[in-house]
Amino acid sequence: MAVILTELKTEEEKSKCSSVYYEYRVLMASRAYSILNDHALAEDAVHNAFLKIMKNIKCIGEVKSTRTKNFVVIVTENCAKDIYRKEHRVRFVDLDDIDISENIENEIEAKMTAENIKRLINELPDIYSDVLLLKYFNELSDKEIASALSISLATVRKRLLRGKQRLSVLKEDNQNDK
């Protein structure tokens, strides 16, 4: 903490940073752990989040406010998700193991490799690519995805459906370009 505070210029910034840390450190650790399920990684996420918060300390008004709490939680969750993605790199599997959907699966198996599928998934907006990668490459259940991304089960299912639909359109566009 002391090393981080030396980066700040004014005593007011140092005081505010310190107050934010002591006010929200338990909440930050709890949110990070709920995503990562690993204390050491959660500590890393809190550290990374605090560095980002420190860089934006001028954006924080009152320390004990809903706005500040929401800001801290969002930054912490995003840092934890970044670490989760790095720790759970996608491993390529045979197309037989990928169950994207009944309509898309047959077409994709016949025409594309797992690498092409991953490339197309990565072209999707993050809200869709995240759930598709977690579901089909990391083999997480819908419930595990909901927990990892801090979203509802219904949201996971809707994003999977919409992601598959968008993936189908991307696949068709990709084939038309060839």
N, C-alpha and C. Protein backbone atom coordinates (compact mmCIF):
# COMPACT_ATOMS: atom_id res chain seq x y z
N MET A 1 0.83 -1.19 0.00
CA MET A 1 0.00 0.00 0.00
C MET A 1 0.88 1.26 0.00
N ALA A 2 1.92 1.25 0.81
CA ALA A 2 2.79 2.42 0.91
C ALA A 2 3.47 2.73 -0.41
N VAL A 3 3.89 1.69 -1.13
CA VAL A 3 4.55 1.88 -2.43
C VAL A 3 3.58 2.48 -3.43
N ILE A 4 2.35 2.01 -3.41
CA ILE A 4 1.34 2.52 -4.34
C ILE A 4 1.05 3.99 -4.05
N LEU A 5 0.96 4.33 -2.78
CA LEU A 5 0.63 5.71 -2.41
C LEU A 5 1.73 6.70 -2.80
N THR A 6 2.96 6.24 -2.95
CA THR A 6 4.03 7.15 -3.34
C THR A 6 3.84 7.68 -4.76
N GLU A 7 3.03 6.98 -5.56
CA GLU A 7 2.75 7.41 -6.93
C GLU A 7 1.82 8.63 -6.98
N LEU A 8 1.07 8.86 -5.92
CA LEU A 8 0.13 9.97 -5.89
C LEU A 8 0.84 11.26 -5.50
N LYS A 9 0.32 12.37 -6.04
CA LYS A 9 1.03 13.64 -5.89
C LYS A 9 0.63 14.41 -4.65
N THR A 10 -0.66 14.48 -4.35
CA THR A 10 -1.10 15.31 -3.22
C THR A 10 -1.48 14.45 -2.03
N GLU A 11 -1.44 15.08 -0.87
CA GLU A 11 -1.83 14.38 0.36
C GLU A 11 -3.32 14.04 0.31
N GLU A 12 -4.11 14.88 -0.33
CA GLU A 12 -5.55 14.62 -0.44
C GLU A 12 -5.79 13.33 -1.24
N GLU A 13 -5.06 13.16 -2.35
CA GLU A 13 -5.20 11.95 -3.16
C GLU A 13 -4.76 10.73 -2.36
N LYS A 14 -3.65 10.86 -1.63
CA LYS A 14 -3.15 9.75 -0.82
C LYS A 14 -4.17 9.36 0.26
N SER A 15 -4.74 10.37 0.89
CA SER A 15 -5.73 10.12 1.94
C SER A 15 -6.98 9.45 1.37
N LYS A 16 -7.45 9.96 0.23
CA LYS A 16 -8.65 9.40 -0.40
C LYS A 16 -8.39 7.96 -0.85
N CYS A 17 -7.23 7.72 -1.42
CA CYS A 17 -6.86 6.38 -1.87
C CYS A 17 -6.83 5.41 -0.70
N SER A 18 -6.22 5.84 0.35
CA SER A 18 -6.13 5.01 1.55
C SER A 18 -7.53 4.73 2.11
N SER A 19 -8.37 5.73 2.14
CA SER A 19 -9.74 5.56 2.64
C SER A 19 -10.54 4.60 1.78
N VAL A 20 -10.40 4.71 0.46
CA VAL A 20 -11.10 3.80 -0.45
C VAL A 20 -10.63 2.37 -0.20
N TYR A 21 -9.34 2.20 -0.07
CA TYR A 21 -8.79 0.86 0.16
C TYR A 21 -9.34 0.26 1.45
N TYR A 22 -9.27 0.98 2.54
CA TYR A 22 -9.70 0.42 3.82
C TYR A 22 -11.22 0.26 3.88
N GLU A 23 -11.95 1.08 3.19
CA GLU A 23 -13.42 0.98 3.17
C GLU A 23 -13.89 -0.23 2.36
N TYR A 24 -13.22 -0.51 1.24
CA TYR A 24 -13.76 -1.50 0.30
C TYR A 24 -12.89 -2.75 0.10
N ARG A 25 -11.78 -2.88 0.81
CA ARG A 25 -10.87 -3.99 0.54
C ARG A 25 -11.52 -5.36 0.75
N VAL A 26 -12.37 -5.49 1.76
CA VAL A 26 -13.02 -6.77 2.01
C VAL A 26 -14.03 -7.07 0.90
N LEU A 27 -14.79 -6.08 0.50
CA LEU A 27 -15.74 -6.25 -0.59
C LEU A 27 -15.02 -6.60 -1.89
N MET A 28 -13.92 -5.92 -2.16
CA MET A 28 -13.14 -6.19 -3.36
C MET A 28 -12.63 -7.64 -3.36
N ALA A 29 -12.09 -8.08 -2.24
CA ALA A 29 -11.57 -9.44 -2.14
C ALA A 29 -12.69 -10.46 -2.30
N SER A 30 -13.83 -10.17 -1.72
CA SER A 30 -14.97 -11.08 -1.82
C SER A 30 -15.45 -11.22 -3.26
N ARG A 31 -15.58 -10.10 -3.95
CA ARG A 31 -16.03 -10.13 -5.35
C ARG A 31 -15.02 -10.85 -6.24
N ALA A 32 -13.75 -10.58 -6.03
CA ALA A 32 -12.71 -11.23 -6.84
C ALA A 32 -12.70 -12.73 -6.57
N TYR A 33 -12.83 -13.12 -5.31
CA TYR A 33 -12.82 -14.55 -4.98
C TYR A 33 -14.04 -15.26 -5.56
N SER A 34 -15.19 -14.58 -5.59
CA SER A 34 -16.40 -15.22 -6.13
C SER A 34 -16.24 -15.55 -7.61
N ILE A 35 -15.39 -14.82 -8.31
CA ILE A 35 -15.14 -15.08 -9.73
C ILE A 35 -14.01 -16.09 -9.91
N LEU A 36 -12.96 -15.97 -9.11
CA LEU A 36 -11.75 -16.76 -9.32
C LEU A 36 -11.65 -18.03 -8.48
N ASN A 37 -12.33 -18.06 -7.35
CA ASN A 37 -12.27 -19.22 -6.43
C ASN A 37 -10.83 -19.58 -6.06
N ASP A 38 -10.00 -18.59 -5.91
CA ASP A 38 -8.60 -18.80 -5.53
C ASP A 38 -8.14 -17.54 -4.80
N HIS A 39 -7.70 -17.72 -3.56
CA HIS A 39 -7.34 -16.55 -2.74
C HIS A 39 -6.17 -15.76 -3.32
N ALA A 40 -5.16 -16.45 -3.81
CA ALA A 40 -3.99 -15.76 -4.35
C ALA A 40 -4.36 -14.96 -5.60
N LEU A 41 -5.15 -15.56 -6.48
CA LEU A 41 -5.57 -14.84 -7.68
C LEU A 41 -6.50 -13.68 -7.32
N ALA A 42 -7.34 -13.88 -6.31
CA ALA A 42 -8.23 -12.81 -5.87
C ALA A 42 -7.41 -11.62 -5.34
N GLU A 43 -6.33 -11.92 -4.62
CA GLU A 43 -5.45 -10.84 -4.13
C GLU A 43 -4.83 -10.09 -5.31
N ASP A 44 -4.42 -10.83 -6.33
CA ASP A 44 -3.87 -10.19 -7.53
C ASP A 44 -4.91 -9.29 -8.19
N ALA A 45 -6.14 -9.77 -8.26
CA ALA A 45 -7.21 -8.98 -8.87
C ALA A 45 -7.47 -7.71 -8.07
N VAL A 46 -7.48 -7.82 -6.75
CA VAL A 46 -7.68 -6.64 -5.90
C VAL A 46 -6.54 -5.65 -6.10
N HIS A 47 -5.33 -6.16 -6.16
CA HIS A 47 -4.16 -5.30 -6.38
C HIS A 47 -4.28 -4.56 -7.72
N ASN A 48 -4.59 -5.31 -8.78
CA ASN A 48 -4.73 -4.69 -10.10
C ASN A 48 -5.87 -3.67 -10.11
N ALA A 49 -6.96 -4.02 -9.46
CA ALA A 49 -8.11 -3.11 -9.39
C ALA A 49 -7.73 -1.84 -8.65
N PHE A 50 -7.01 -2.01 -7.55
CA PHE A 50 -6.63 -0.83 -6.78
C PHE A 50 -5.70 0.08 -7.57
N LEU A 51 -4.82 -0.50 -8.37
CA LEU A 51 -3.95 0.32 -9.22
C LEU A 51 -4.78 1.14 -10.21
N LYS A 52 -5.81 0.52 -10.79
CA LYS A 52 -6.68 1.24 -11.72
C LYS A 52 -7.48 2.32 -11.01
N ILE A 53 -7.96 2.00 -9.82
CA ILE A 53 -8.71 2.97 -9.04
C ILE A 53 -7.81 4.15 -8.68
N MET A 54 -6.58 3.84 -8.31
CA MET A 54 -5.63 4.89 -7.94
C MET A 54 -5.40 5.85 -9.11
N LYS A 55 -5.30 5.30 -10.32
CA LYS A 55 -5.07 6.14 -11.49
C LYS A 55 -6.27 7.05 -11.77
N ASN A 56 -7.44 6.63 -11.28
CA ASN A 56 -8.66 7.40 -11.51
C ASN A 56 -9.22 8.00 -10.22
N ILE A 57 -8.36 8.22 -9.24
CA ILE A 57 -8.80 8.68 -7.93
C ILE A 57 -9.50 10.04 -8.01
N LYS A 58 -9.16 10.84 -9.01
CA LYS A 58 -9.79 12.16 -9.16
C LYS A 58 -11.26 12.04 -9.53
N CYS A 59 -11.66 10.89 -10.07
CA CYS A 59 -13.07 10.67 -10.45
C CYS A 59 -13.94 10.34 -9.25
N ILE A 60 -13.31 10.03 -8.14
CA ILE A 60 -14.07 9.64 -6.95
C ILE A 60 -14.35 10.86 -6.10
N GLY A 61 -15.63 11.04 -5.81
CA GLY A 61 -16.05 12.13 -4.93
C GLY A 61 -15.95 11.69 -3.49
N GLU A 62 -17.09 11.35 -2.92
CA GLU A 62 -17.11 10.86 -1.54
C GLU A 62 -16.73 9.39 -1.51
N VAL A 63 -15.95 9.01 -0.52
CA VAL A 63 -15.50 7.63 -0.40
C VAL A 63 -16.67 6.72 -0.07
N LYS A 64 -17.49 7.10 0.88
CA LYS A 64 -18.62 6.27 1.30
C LYS A 64 -19.88 6.68 0.55
N SER A 65 -19.92 6.31 -0.72
CA SER A 65 -21.10 6.60 -1.53
C SER A 65 -21.40 5.40 -2.41
N THR A 66 -22.63 5.31 -2.84
CA THR A 66 -23.04 4.22 -3.73
C THR A 66 -22.27 4.28 -5.04
N ARG A 67 -22.05 5.48 -5.53
CA ARG A 67 -21.33 5.65 -6.79
C ARG A 67 -19.90 5.09 -6.69
N THR A 68 -19.22 5.42 -5.61
CA THR A 68 -17.86 4.93 -5.40
C THR A 68 -17.86 3.42 -5.21
N LYS A 69 -18.79 2.92 -4.44
CA LYS A 69 -18.88 1.48 -4.21
C LYS A 69 -19.09 0.75 -5.54
N ASN A 70 -20.00 1.23 -6.36
CA ASN A 70 -20.26 0.61 -7.67
C ASN A 70 -19.02 0.65 -8.55
N PHE A 71 -18.34 1.77 -8.54
CA PHE A 71 -17.11 1.93 -9.33
C PHE A 71 -16.07 0.91 -8.90
N VAL A 72 -15.87 0.80 -7.60
CA VAL A 72 -14.88 -0.13 -7.05
C VAL A 72 -15.24 -1.58 -7.40
N VAL A 73 -16.51 -1.93 -7.27
CA VAL A 73 -16.95 -3.30 -7.57
C VAL A 73 -16.76 -3.62 -9.05
N ILE A 74 -17.14 -2.70 -9.92
CA ILE A 74 -17.02 -2.94 -11.36
C ILE A 74 -15.55 -3.11 -11.76
N VAL A 75 -14.70 -2.25 -11.27
CA VAL A 75 -13.27 -2.35 -11.59
C VAL A 75 -12.70 -3.67 -11.08
N THR A 76 -13.08 -4.05 -9.86
CA THR A 76 -12.58 -5.30 -9.28
C THR A 76 -13.07 -6.50 -10.07
N GLU A 77 -14.35 -6.52 -10.41
CA GLU A 77 -14.89 -7.65 -11.18
C GLU A 77 -14.21 -7.76 -12.55
N ASN A 78 -13.98 -6.64 -13.20
CA ASN A 78 -13.32 -6.68 -14.51
C ASN A 78 -11.88 -7.18 -14.39
N CYS A 79 -11.18 -6.77 -13.37
CA CYS A 79 -9.81 -7.27 -13.15
C CYS A 79 -9.82 -8.77 -12.87
N ALA A 80 -10.78 -9.22 -12.08
CA ALA A 80 -10.89 -10.65 -11.79
C ALA A 80 -11.22 -11.44 -13.06
N LYS A 81 -12.09 -10.90 -13.88
CA LYS A 81 -12.45 -11.57 -15.14
C LYS A 81 -11.24 -11.64 -16.08
N ASP A 82 -10.44 -10.59 -16.09
CA ASP A 82 -9.22 -10.60 -16.91
C ASP A 82 -8.29 -11.72 -16.45
N ILE A 83 -8.11 -11.84 -15.16
CA ILE A 83 -7.25 -12.90 -14.62
C ILE A 83 -7.85 -14.26 -14.92
N TYR A 84 -9.17 -14.37 -14.76
CA TYR A 84 -9.83 -15.64 -15.05
C TYR A 84 -9.57 -16.07 -16.50
N ARG A 85 -9.71 -15.13 -17.42
CA ARG A 85 -9.48 -15.44 -18.83
C ARG A 85 -8.03 -15.88 -19.07
N LYS A 86 -7.10 -15.20 -18.43
CA LYS A 86 -5.69 -15.57 -18.60
C LYS A 86 -5.41 -16.94 -18.02
N GLU A 87 -6.02 -17.26 -16.90
CA GLU A 87 -5.79 -18.54 -16.24
C GLU A 87 -6.50 -19.69 -16.95
N HIS A 88 -7.55 -19.38 -17.65
CA HIS A 88 -8.34 -20.41 -18.32
C HIS A 88 -8.28 -20.23 -19.83
N ARG A 89 -7.08 -20.22 -20.33
CA ARG A 89 -6.88 -20.09 -21.77
C ARG A 89 -7.66 -21.17 -22.50
N VAL A 90 -8.12 -20.83 -23.66
CA VAL A 90 -8.89 -21.77 -24.46
C VAL A 90 -7.98 -22.88 -24.96
N ARG A 91 -8.42 -24.09 -24.76
CA ARG A 91 -7.70 -25.21 -25.34
C ARG A 91 -8.52 -25.72 -26.52
N PHE A 92 -7.85 -26.04 -27.59
CA PHE A 92 -8.54 -26.47 -28.78
C PHE A 92 -8.96 -27.93 -28.62
N VAL A 93 -10.15 -28.20 -29.07
CA VAL A 93 -10.70 -29.53 -29.00
C VAL A 93 -11.18 -29.95 -30.37
N ASP A 94 -11.42 -31.24 -30.52
CA ASP A 94 -11.96 -31.73 -31.78
C ASP A 94 -13.34 -31.15 -32.01
N LEU A 95 -13.69 -30.96 -33.26
CA LEU A 95 -15.01 -30.43 -33.58
C LEU A 95 -16.12 -31.34 -33.07
N ASP A 96 -15.85 -32.62 -32.92
CA ASP A 96 -16.85 -33.55 -32.40
C ASP A 96 -17.24 -33.20 -30.97
N ASP A 97 -16.34 -32.57 -30.24
CA ASP A 97 -16.59 -32.22 -28.84
C ASP A 97 -17.31 -30.88 -28.68
N ILE A 98 -17.48 -30.14 -29.75
CA ILE A 98 -18.10 -28.83 -29.68
C ILE A 98 -19.56 -28.96 -30.07
N ASP A 99 -20.45 -28.58 -29.14
CA ASP A 99 -21.88 -28.67 -29.40
C ASP A 99 -22.45 -27.26 -29.43
N ILE A 100 -22.29 -26.56 -30.53
CA ILE A 100 -22.72 -25.18 -30.61
C ILE A 100 -24.23 -25.10 -30.78
N SER A 101 -24.79 -25.78 -31.70
CA SER A 101 -26.24 -25.92 -31.83
C SER A 101 -26.51 -26.91 -32.93
N GLU A 102 -27.75 -27.40 -32.98
CA GLU A 102 -28.05 -28.44 -33.96
C GLU A 102 -27.90 -27.94 -35.39
N ASN A 103 -28.30 -26.71 -35.68
CA ASN A 103 -28.20 -26.19 -37.05
C ASN A 103 -26.77 -25.78 -37.40
N ILE A 104 -26.13 -25.09 -36.50
CA ILE A 104 -24.80 -24.56 -36.78
C ILE A 104 -23.75 -25.66 -36.71
N GLU A 105 -23.92 -26.60 -35.78
CA GLU A 105 -22.90 -27.62 -35.55
C GLU A 105 -22.57 -28.40 -36.82
N ASN A 106 -23.57 -28.88 -37.53
CA ASN A 106 -23.34 -29.68 -38.73
C ASN A 106 -22.60 -28.89 -39.79
N GLU A 107 -23.00 -27.66 -40.01
CA GLU A 107 -22.35 -26.82 -41.01
C GLU A 107 -20.91 -26.51 -40.63
N ILE A 108 -20.71 -26.16 -39.35
CA ILE A 108 -19.37 -25.79 -38.90
C ILE A 108 -18.43 -26.99 -38.94
N GLU A 109 -18.91 -28.14 -38.50
CA GLU A 109 -18.06 -29.33 -38.53
C GLU A 109 -17.59 -29.64 -39.94
N ALA A 110 -18.48 -29.45 -40.92
CA ALA A 110 -18.14 -29.79 -42.29
C ALA A 110 -17.20 -28.77 -42.92
N LYS A 111 -17.24 -27.51 -42.50
CA LYS A 111 -16.54 -26.46 -43.24
C LYS A 111 -15.43 -25.74 -42.48
N MET A 112 -15.34 -25.90 -41.16
CA MET A 112 -14.39 -25.07 -40.42
C MET A 112 -13.61 -25.88 -39.39
N THR A 113 -12.47 -25.37 -39.01
CA THR A 113 -11.68 -25.98 -37.96
C THR A 113 -11.96 -25.26 -36.64
N ALA A 114 -11.53 -25.85 -35.53
CA ALA A 114 -11.73 -25.22 -34.23
C ALA A 114 -11.06 -23.85 -34.17
N GLU A 115 -9.96 -23.70 -34.86
CA GLU A 115 -9.26 -22.41 -34.86
C GLU A 115 -10.10 -21.33 -35.54
N ASN A 116 -10.74 -21.68 -36.63
CA ASN A 116 -11.60 -20.73 -37.32
C ASN A 116 -12.81 -20.37 -36.47
N ILE A 117 -13.35 -21.34 -35.78
CA ILE A 117 -14.49 -21.08 -34.90
C ILE A 117 -14.09 -20.10 -33.81
N LYS A 118 -12.95 -20.35 -33.20
CA LYS A 118 -12.48 -19.45 -32.13
C LYS A 118 -12.24 -18.04 -32.68
N ARG A 119 -11.67 -17.95 -33.87
CA ARG A 119 -11.43 -16.65 -34.48
C ARG A 119 -12.75 -15.91 -34.70
N LEU A 120 -13.77 -16.61 -35.18
CA LEU A 120 -15.07 -15.99 -35.39
C LEU A 120 -15.73 -15.60 -34.07
N ILE A 121 -15.61 -16.46 -33.07
CA ILE A 121 -16.17 -16.14 -31.76
C ILE A 121 -15.52 -14.88 -31.20
N ASN A 122 -14.23 -14.74 -31.40
CA ASN A 122 -13.52 -13.56 -30.90
C ASN A 122 -13.90 -12.29 -31.64
N GLU A 123 -14.51 -12.41 -32.80
CA GLU A 123 -15.00 -11.24 -33.52
C GLU A 123 -16.33 -10.73 -32.96
N LEU A 124 -17.00 -11.56 -32.18
CA LEU A 124 -18.27 -11.17 -31.57
C LEU A 124 -18.02 -10.18 -30.43
N PRO A 125 -19.04 -9.41 -30.06
CA PRO A 125 -18.90 -8.56 -28.86
C PRO A 125 -18.58 -9.43 -27.65
N ASP A 126 -17.85 -8.86 -26.69
CA ASP A 126 -17.40 -9.61 -25.51
C ASP A 126 -18.53 -10.31 -24.77
N ILE A 127 -19.70 -9.69 -24.69
CA ILE A 127 -20.77 -10.32 -23.91
C ILE A 127 -21.18 -11.66 -24.51
N TYR A 128 -20.99 -11.83 -25.81
CA TYR A 128 -21.33 -13.10 -26.45
C TYR A 128 -20.11 -14.02 -26.52
N SER A 129 -18.96 -13.47 -26.87
CA SER A 129 -17.77 -14.32 -27.00
C SER A 129 -17.39 -14.92 -25.65
N ASP A 130 -17.53 -14.17 -24.57
CA ASP A 130 -17.17 -14.69 -23.25
C ASP A 130 -17.98 -15.94 -22.91
N VAL A 131 -19.30 -15.85 -23.07
CA VAL A 131 -20.12 -17.01 -22.70
C VAL A 131 -19.91 -18.18 -23.65
N LEU A 132 -19.73 -17.91 -24.94
CA LEU A 132 -19.49 -19.00 -25.89
C LEU A 132 -18.17 -19.71 -25.61
N LEU A 133 -17.12 -18.95 -25.36
CA LEU A 133 -15.82 -19.56 -25.06
C LEU A 133 -15.87 -20.35 -23.75
N LEU A 134 -16.51 -19.77 -22.74
CA LEU A 134 -16.60 -20.49 -21.46
C LEU A 134 -17.42 -21.76 -21.59
N LYS A 135 -18.48 -21.71 -22.38
CA LYS A 135 -19.36 -22.87 -22.55
C LYS A 135 -18.72 -23.96 -23.40
N TYR A 136 -18.23 -23.61 -24.57
CA TYR A 136 -17.83 -24.63 -25.53
C TYR A 136 -16.34 -24.95 -25.55
N PHE A 137 -15.51 -24.06 -25.07
CA PHE A 137 -14.08 -24.35 -25.06
C PHE A 137 -13.60 -24.69 -23.65
N ASN A 138 -14.18 -24.02 -22.64
CA ASN A 138 -13.79 -24.32 -21.27
C ASN A 138 -14.73 -25.30 -20.60
N GLU A 139 -15.80 -25.66 -21.29
CA GLU A 139 -16.75 -26.66 -20.84
C GLU A 139 -17.38 -26.34 -19.49
N LEU A 140 -17.69 -25.07 -19.25
CA LEU A 140 -18.38 -24.70 -18.03
C LEU A 140 -19.88 -24.84 -18.24
N SER A 141 -20.59 -25.15 -17.18
CA SER A 141 -22.06 -25.22 -17.25
C SER A 141 -22.61 -23.80 -17.28
N ASP A 142 -23.88 -23.67 -17.64
CA ASP A 142 -24.52 -22.36 -17.66
C ASP A 142 -24.47 -21.73 -16.27
N LYS A 143 -24.68 -22.54 -15.25
CA LYS A 143 -24.67 -22.04 -13.87
C LYS A 143 -23.27 -21.54 -13.49
N GLU A 144 -22.23 -22.27 -13.88
CA GLU A 144 -20.85 -21.85 -13.59
C GLU A 144 -20.52 -20.55 -14.32
N ILE A 145 -21.00 -20.42 -15.54
CA ILE A 145 -20.77 -19.19 -16.30
C ILE A 145 -21.46 -18.02 -15.62
N ALA A 146 -22.70 -18.23 -15.20
CA ALA A 146 -23.45 -17.17 -14.51
C ALA A 146 -22.69 -16.71 -13.26
N SER A 147 -22.17 -17.65 -12.52
CA SER A 147 -21.42 -17.32 -11.31
C SER A 147 -20.12 -16.58 -11.65
N ALA A 148 -19.41 -17.07 -12.65
CA ALA A 148 -18.12 -16.46 -13.01
C ALA A 148 -18.27 -15.04 -13.53
N LEU A 149 -19.34 -14.78 -14.27
CA LEU A 149 -19.53 -13.45 -14.86
C LEU A 149 -20.46 -12.57 -14.04
N SER A 150 -20.95 -13.10 -12.93
CA SER A 150 -21.86 -12.35 -12.05
C SER A 150 -23.09 -11.87 -12.81
N ILE A 151 -23.69 -12.78 -13.56
CA ILE A 151 -24.93 -12.49 -14.27
C ILE A 151 -25.91 -13.62 -13.98
N SER A 152 -27.18 -13.40 -14.32
CA SER A 152 -28.18 -14.41 -14.04
C SER A 152 -28.09 -15.57 -15.04
N LEU A 153 -28.67 -16.68 -14.66
CA LEU A 153 -28.70 -17.86 -15.51
C LEU A 153 -29.48 -17.56 -16.80
N ALA A 154 -30.56 -16.82 -16.67
CA ALA A 154 -31.35 -16.44 -17.85
C ALA A 154 -30.53 -15.59 -18.81
N THR A 155 -29.71 -14.70 -18.27
CA THR A 155 -28.85 -13.86 -19.10
C THR A 155 -27.82 -14.70 -19.84
N VAL A 156 -27.25 -15.69 -19.16
CA VAL A 156 -26.28 -16.59 -19.80
C VAL A 156 -26.95 -17.28 -20.98
N ARG A 157 -28.12 -17.83 -20.75
CA ARG A 157 -28.81 -18.57 -21.82
C ARG A 157 -29.17 -17.66 -23.00
N LYS A 158 -29.60 -16.45 -22.70
CA LYS A 158 -29.96 -15.50 -23.77
C LYS A 158 -28.71 -15.10 -24.56
N ARG A 159 -27.60 -14.88 -23.86
CA ARG A 159 -26.36 -14.52 -24.55
C ARG A 159 -25.82 -15.67 -25.39
N LEU A 160 -25.97 -16.90 -24.89
CA LEU A 160 -25.56 -18.06 -25.68
C LEU A 160 -26.39 -18.15 -26.97
N LEU A 161 -27.69 -17.97 -26.84
CA LEU A 161 -28.57 -18.03 -28.01
C LEU A 161 -28.22 -16.92 -29.01
N ARG A 162 -28.11 -15.70 -28.53
CA ARG A 162 -27.80 -14.58 -29.42
C ARG A 162 -26.39 -14.70 -29.99
N GLY A 163 -25.45 -15.19 -29.19
CA GLY A 163 -24.09 -15.39 -29.67
C GLY A 163 -24.05 -16.41 -30.79
N LYS A 164 -24.79 -17.51 -30.63
CA LYS A 164 -24.84 -18.52 -31.69
C LYS A 164 -25.46 -17.95 -32.96
N GLN A 165 -26.49 -17.14 -32.79
CA GLN A 165 -27.12 -16.52 -33.96
C GLN A 165 -26.14 -15.60 -34.68
N ARG A 166 -25.43 -14.79 -33.93
CA ARG A 166 -24.44 -13.89 -34.53
C ARG A 166 -23.29 -14.67 -35.15
N LEU A 167 -22.91 -15.78 -34.51
CA LEU A 167 -21.84 -16.62 -35.04
C LEU A 167 -22.26 -17.20 -36.39
N SER A 168 -23.50 -17.58 -36.50
CA SER A 168 -24.01 -18.12 -37.75
C SER A 168 -23.93 -17.07 -38.87
N VAL A 169 -24.28 -15.84 -38.56
CA VAL A 169 -24.20 -14.75 -39.54
C VAL A 169 -22.75 -14.50 -39.94
N LEU A 170 -21.85 -14.47 -38.95
CA LEU A 170 -20.42 -14.27 -39.25
C LEU A 170 -19.89 -15.38 -40.13
N LYS A 171 -20.31 -16.62 -39.86
CA LYS A 171 -19.87 -17.76 -40.63
C LYS A 171 -20.32 -17.61 -42.09
N GLU A 172 -21.57 -17.21 -42.27
CA GLU A 172 -22.09 -17.01 -43.63
C GLU A 172 -21.35 -15.89 -44.34
N ASP A 173 -21.13 -14.79 -43.65
CA ASP A 173 -20.37 -13.67 -44.25
C ASP A 173 -18.96 -14.11 -44.62
N ASN A 174 -18.34 -14.91 -43.75
CA ASN A 174 -17.00 -15.41 -43.99
C ASN A 174 -16.95 -16.29 -45.24
N GLN A 175 -17.96 -17.13 -45.41
CA GLN A 175 -18.02 -18.00 -46.57
C GLN A 175 -18.29 -17.20 -47.86
N ASN A 176 -19.09 -16.17 -47.75
CA ASN A 176 -19.40 -15.32 -48.91
C ASN A 176 -18.20 -14.53 -49.36
N ASP A 177 -17.30 -14.21 -48.43
CA ASP A 177 -16.10 -13.44 -48.76
C ASP A 177 -15.06 -14.29 -49.49
N LYS A 178 -15.18 -15.60 -49.38
CA LYS A 178 -14.17 -16.48 -49.98
C LYS A 178 -14.38 -16.68 -51.45
